[in-house]
Amino acid sequence: MPAPPPESLPAIVRAVGVSLESTVMIANVSSGTLLAHSFTHTGARVPVRAAAVGLGVLLTAAAAQFTLPLPFTAVPFVLTPFAVMLVGAALGSRLGFATQVLYLAAGAAGLPVFAPSLVLPPGAARLIGPTGGYLLAYPVAAFVTGWLAERGWDRRYVTSLASMLAGLAIIFIGGVSWLSTLPGQTLGTAIAGGFVAHIGMDLIKAAVAAKVLPLAWKVYFPNTNKY
């Protein structure tokens, strides 16, 4: 096979460069989060990240205000897990984790971001109260859902639901484990009041949250949704 003429080498180099660039872009699209993909359309990465984290904290705090006390358990019904999982999947593992850490710090500092309650302690004491295990599991749950989203799990409903359920499992494990150590509680009562009483509604929350990001990918970036 004859060698290409020397004058064709620049064109070959350009073609190889374009091919490599396209491969990298495709890899980034298939493995990045919704927020990460938006960076390709803006040069202001740091302000966008900061704004996204701030918005995530506000969304989590707003979700916490929708609460319903239950008479048979100290753990109220809240929408917060919905926001935790959604924010984690949208922002990714590290930013999702940071968002929930800031949310907990704001609540510990006394800002009214935790679920309003006449029974649960305010401020930093909330973190060692009956719901402290759930709260402290939020950063880990956000990290896991974000980590899975970074690998494309947020593009299809089935995988998105699986990632939400993984995050929800982490929240329940943290919450029930801590609740069972408190005075007057056993593992059985903690499971009854901290898991069984909530799992039905929380599965609905996970199912709804799992639908949001695949729909967002389809609407805002239809040409990159390869899943």
Protein backbone atom coordinates (compact mmCIF):
# COMPACT_ATOMS: atom_id res chain seq x y z
CA MET A 1 0.00 0.00 0.00
CA PRO A 2 1.61 3.31 -1.08
CA ALA A 3 2.34 5.95 1.57
CA PRO A 4 0.19 9.10 1.48
CA PRO A 5 1.78 12.12 -0.18
CA PRO A 6 3.45 14.59 2.21
CA GLU A 7 1.00 17.38 1.32
CA SER A 8 -1.88 15.31 2.70
CA LEU A 9 -0.38 14.95 6.18
CA PRO A 10 -1.85 18.19 7.62
CA ALA A 11 -5.33 17.10 6.56
CA ILE A 12 -4.79 13.67 8.13
CA VAL A 13 -3.59 15.25 11.39
CA ARG A 14 -6.64 17.54 11.47
CA ALA A 15 -8.98 14.62 10.83
CA VAL A 16 -7.41 12.59 13.65
CA GLY A 17 -7.67 15.57 15.99
CA VAL A 18 -11.34 16.07 15.20
CA SER A 19 -11.98 12.37 15.72
CA LEU A 20 -10.26 12.37 19.12
CA GLU A 21 -12.08 15.52 20.17
CA SER A 22 -15.41 13.99 19.22
CA THR A 23 -14.58 10.82 21.13
CA VAL A 24 -13.76 12.80 24.27
CA MET A 25 -16.95 14.86 23.94
CA ILE A 26 -19.06 11.71 23.54
CA ALA A 27 -17.38 10.13 26.57
CA ASN A 28 -18.01 13.23 28.64
CA VAL A 29 -21.64 13.38 27.59
CA SER A 30 -22.28 9.73 28.33
CA SER A 31 -20.69 9.87 31.78
CA GLY A 32 -21.37 13.40 33.02
CA THR A 33 -24.22 14.86 35.01
CA LEU A 34 -26.79 17.33 33.77
CA LEU A 35 -24.93 20.18 35.47
CA ALA A 36 -21.55 19.05 34.09
CA HIS A 37 -22.94 18.95 30.57
CA SER A 38 -24.19 22.52 30.93
CA PHE A 39 -20.54 23.59 31.37
CA THR A 40 -20.03 23.02 27.65
CA HIS A 41 -22.35 25.96 27.05
CA THR A 42 -20.79 28.42 29.48
CA GLY A 43 -17.30 29.50 30.49
CA ALA A 44 -18.34 30.49 34.02
CA ARG A 45 -17.86 27.14 35.71
CA VAL A 46 -17.12 28.38 39.23
CA PRO A 47 -20.11 30.76 39.45
CA VAL A 48 -22.38 28.08 37.97
CA ARG A 49 -21.19 25.51 40.50
CA ALA A 50 -21.59 27.94 43.40
CA ALA A 51 -25.07 28.91 42.25
CA ALA A 52 -26.03 25.26 41.81
CA VAL A 53 -24.89 24.37 45.33
CA GLY A 54 -26.75 27.36 46.78
CA LEU A 55 -29.88 26.41 44.87
CA GLY A 56 -29.52 22.82 46.08
CA VAL A 57 -29.38 23.99 49.70
CA LEU A 58 -32.49 26.13 49.18
CA LEU A 59 -34.33 23.27 47.49
CA THR A 60 -33.49 20.91 50.35
CA ALA A 61 -34.56 23.49 52.93
CA ALA A 62 -37.81 24.18 51.07
CA ALA A 63 -38.59 20.46 50.87
CA ALA A 64 -38.06 20.14 54.62
CA GLN A 65 -40.84 22.65 55.27
CA PHE A 66 -43.40 20.22 53.85
CA THR A 67 -43.71 18.04 56.92
CA LEU A 68 -46.42 16.00 58.58
CA PRO A 69 -45.93 14.76 62.16
CA LEU A 70 -46.96 11.18 62.80
CA PRO A 71 -48.53 10.39 66.20
CA PHE A 72 -46.87 6.98 66.62
CA THR A 73 -43.26 7.92 65.84
CA ALA A 74 -40.84 10.78 66.42
CA VAL A 75 -39.88 10.70 62.74
CA PRO A 76 -42.18 12.99 60.72
CA PHE A 77 -43.09 12.69 57.07
CA VAL A 78 -40.94 15.10 55.02
CA LEU A 79 -40.12 15.72 51.38
CA THR A 80 -36.43 16.20 52.09
CA PRO A 81 -35.22 12.81 50.76
CA PHE A 82 -36.80 13.73 47.41
CA ALA A 83 -34.66 16.87 47.25
CA VAL A 84 -31.51 15.14 48.52
CA MET A 85 -31.59 12.47 45.83
CA LEU A 86 -32.60 14.86 43.06
CA VAL A 87 -29.90 17.40 43.92
CA GLY A 88 -27.26 14.68 44.20
CA ALA A 89 -28.12 13.23 40.80
CA ALA A 90 -28.23 16.65 39.12
CA LEU A 91 -25.04 18.06 40.64
CA GLY A 92 -22.90 14.94 40.86
CA SER A 93 -21.17 13.20 43.74
CA ARG A 94 -18.87 15.93 45.07
CA LEU A 95 -21.19 18.90 44.66
CA GLY A 96 -24.14 16.86 45.88
CA PHE A 97 -22.18 15.89 49.00
CA ALA A 98 -21.06 19.49 49.56
CA THR A 99 -24.62 20.76 49.17
CA GLN A 100 -25.94 18.51 51.92
CA VAL A 101 -23.02 19.29 54.22
CA LEU A 102 -23.81 23.00 53.82
CA TYR A 103 -27.48 22.29 54.47
CA LEU A 104 -26.63 20.51 57.73
CA ALA A 105 -24.23 23.29 58.69
CA ALA A 106 -26.93 25.90 58.09
CA GLY A 107 -29.38 23.97 60.25
CA ALA A 108 -26.80 23.41 62.99
CA ALA A 109 -26.10 27.14 62.99
CA GLY A 110 -29.75 27.80 63.79
CA LEU A 111 -31.08 28.78 60.39
CA PRO A 112 -34.68 27.58 59.86
CA VAL A 113 -33.83 24.97 57.23
CA PHE A 114 -34.79 21.82 59.12
CA ALA A 115 -38.35 20.53 59.22
CA PRO A 116 -40.40 22.64 61.65
CA SER A 117 -41.33 20.62 64.72
CA LEU A 118 -42.71 21.11 68.21
CA VAL A 119 -41.12 17.84 69.33
CA LEU A 120 -37.71 17.62 67.66
CA PRO A 121 -34.87 19.77 69.06
CA PRO A 122 -33.77 22.85 67.07
CA GLY A 123 -30.36 23.75 65.70
CA ALA A 124 -27.36 21.50 66.21
CA ALA A 125 -29.28 19.38 68.71
CA ARG A 126 -31.41 18.12 65.82
CA LEU A 127 -28.37 16.19 64.58
CA ILE A 128 -28.31 14.08 67.73
CA GLY A 129 -32.07 13.83 68.08
CA PRO A 130 -34.38 11.08 66.80
CA THR A 131 -33.94 12.16 63.17
CA GLY A 132 -30.19 12.79 63.40
CA GLY A 133 -29.28 9.56 61.61
CA TYR A 134 -31.42 10.46 58.62
CA LEU A 135 -29.93 13.95 58.41
CA LEU A 136 -26.33 12.77 58.68
CA ALA A 137 -26.97 10.23 55.93
CA TYR A 138 -28.03 12.95 53.47
CA PRO A 139 -24.50 13.79 52.24
CA VAL A 140 -23.69 10.12 51.67
CA ALA A 141 -26.98 9.51 49.85
CA ALA A 142 -26.39 12.55 47.65
CA PHE A 143 -22.86 11.38 46.90
CA VAL A 144 -24.02 7.92 45.83
CA THR A 145 -26.85 9.14 43.60
CA GLY A 146 -24.48 11.69 42.10
CA TRP A 147 -21.77 9.08 41.53
CA LEU A 148 -24.25 6.89 39.67
CA ALA A 149 -25.53 9.85 37.65
CA GLU A 150 -21.97 10.63 36.58
CA ARG A 151 -21.95 7.18 34.98
CA GLY A 152 -25.11 7.79 33.01
CA TRP A 153 -27.66 6.30 35.40
CA ASP A 154 -29.77 9.45 35.21
CA ARG A 155 -30.54 9.06 31.47
CA ARG A 156 -33.07 6.19 31.67
CA TYR A 157 -35.94 5.83 34.08
CA VAL A 158 -35.04 2.29 35.22
CA THR A 159 -31.44 3.14 36.13
CA SER A 160 -32.47 6.52 37.53
CA LEU A 161 -34.95 4.75 39.81
CA ALA A 162 -32.24 2.30 40.89
CA SER A 163 -29.95 5.18 41.86
CA MET A 164 -32.75 6.89 43.80
CA LEU A 165 -33.51 3.66 45.65
CA ALA A 166 -29.81 3.31 46.53
CA GLY A 167 -29.82 6.80 48.00
CA LEU A 168 -33.07 6.12 49.84
CA ALA A 169 -31.64 2.91 51.30
CA ILE A 170 -28.65 4.83 52.68
CA ILE A 171 -30.96 7.37 54.34
CA PHE A 172 -33.05 4.64 55.95
CA ILE A 173 -30.02 2.68 57.11
CA GLY A 174 -28.54 5.76 58.75
CA GLY A 175 -31.84 6.86 60.25
CA VAL A 176 -33.03 3.54 61.64
CA SER A 177 -29.58 2.59 62.94
CA TRP A 178 -29.32 5.82 64.93
CA LEU A 179 -32.94 5.73 66.09
CA SER A 180 -32.49 2.22 67.51
CA THR A 181 -29.72 3.45 69.86
CA LEU A 182 -31.86 6.07 71.59
CA PRO A 183 -33.40 5.47 75.02
CA GLY A 184 -36.71 3.63 74.86
CA GLN A 185 -36.02 2.32 71.35
CA THR A 186 -35.15 -1.13 70.10
CA LEU A 187 -34.26 -2.21 66.60
CA GLY A 188 -37.81 -3.48 66.19
CA THR A 189 -39.48 -0.24 67.24
CA ALA A 190 -37.00 1.77 65.17
CA ILE A 191 -37.81 -0.27 62.07
CA ALA A 192 -41.55 0.07 62.73
CA GLY A 193 -41.51 3.82 63.34
CA GLY A 194 -38.57 4.84 61.19
CA PHE A 195 -38.93 2.56 58.19
CA VAL A 196 -42.26 0.76 57.87
CA ALA A 197 -44.25 3.93 58.59
CA HIS A 198 -42.46 5.83 55.81
CA ILE A 199 -41.38 3.40 53.12
CA GLY A 200 -44.61 3.57 51.12
CA MET A 201 -44.56 7.34 50.61
CA ASP A 202 -40.80 7.39 50.19
CA LEU A 203 -41.01 4.87 47.37
CA ILE A 204 -43.46 7.21 45.66
CA LYS A 205 -41.00 10.08 46.16
CA ALA A 206 -38.19 8.01 44.67
CA ALA A 207 -40.34 7.04 41.68
CA VAL A 208 -41.20 10.69 41.00
CA ALA A 209 -37.61 11.89 41.49
CA ALA A 210 -36.36 9.19 39.11
CA LYS A 211 -38.51 10.62 36.34
CA VAL A 212 -37.21 14.18 36.59
CA LEU A 213 -33.66 13.86 35.25
CA PRO A 214 -34.36 11.56 32.27
CA LEU A 215 -37.05 14.05 31.28
CA ALA A 216 -34.65 16.97 31.73
CA TRP A 217 -32.06 15.28 29.50
CA LYS A 218 -34.70 14.63 26.86
CA VAL A 219 -35.98 18.22 26.92
CA TYR A 220 -32.77 20.23 27.22
CA PHE A 221 -30.20 17.99 25.55
CA PRO A 222 -32.14 15.68 23.20
CA ASN A 223 -29.18 15.07 20.91
CA THR A 224 -26.98 13.76 23.73
CA ASN A 225 -29.43 11.30 25.25
CA LYS A 226 -27.93 8.01 24.06
CA TYR A 227 -29.72 5.93 26.63
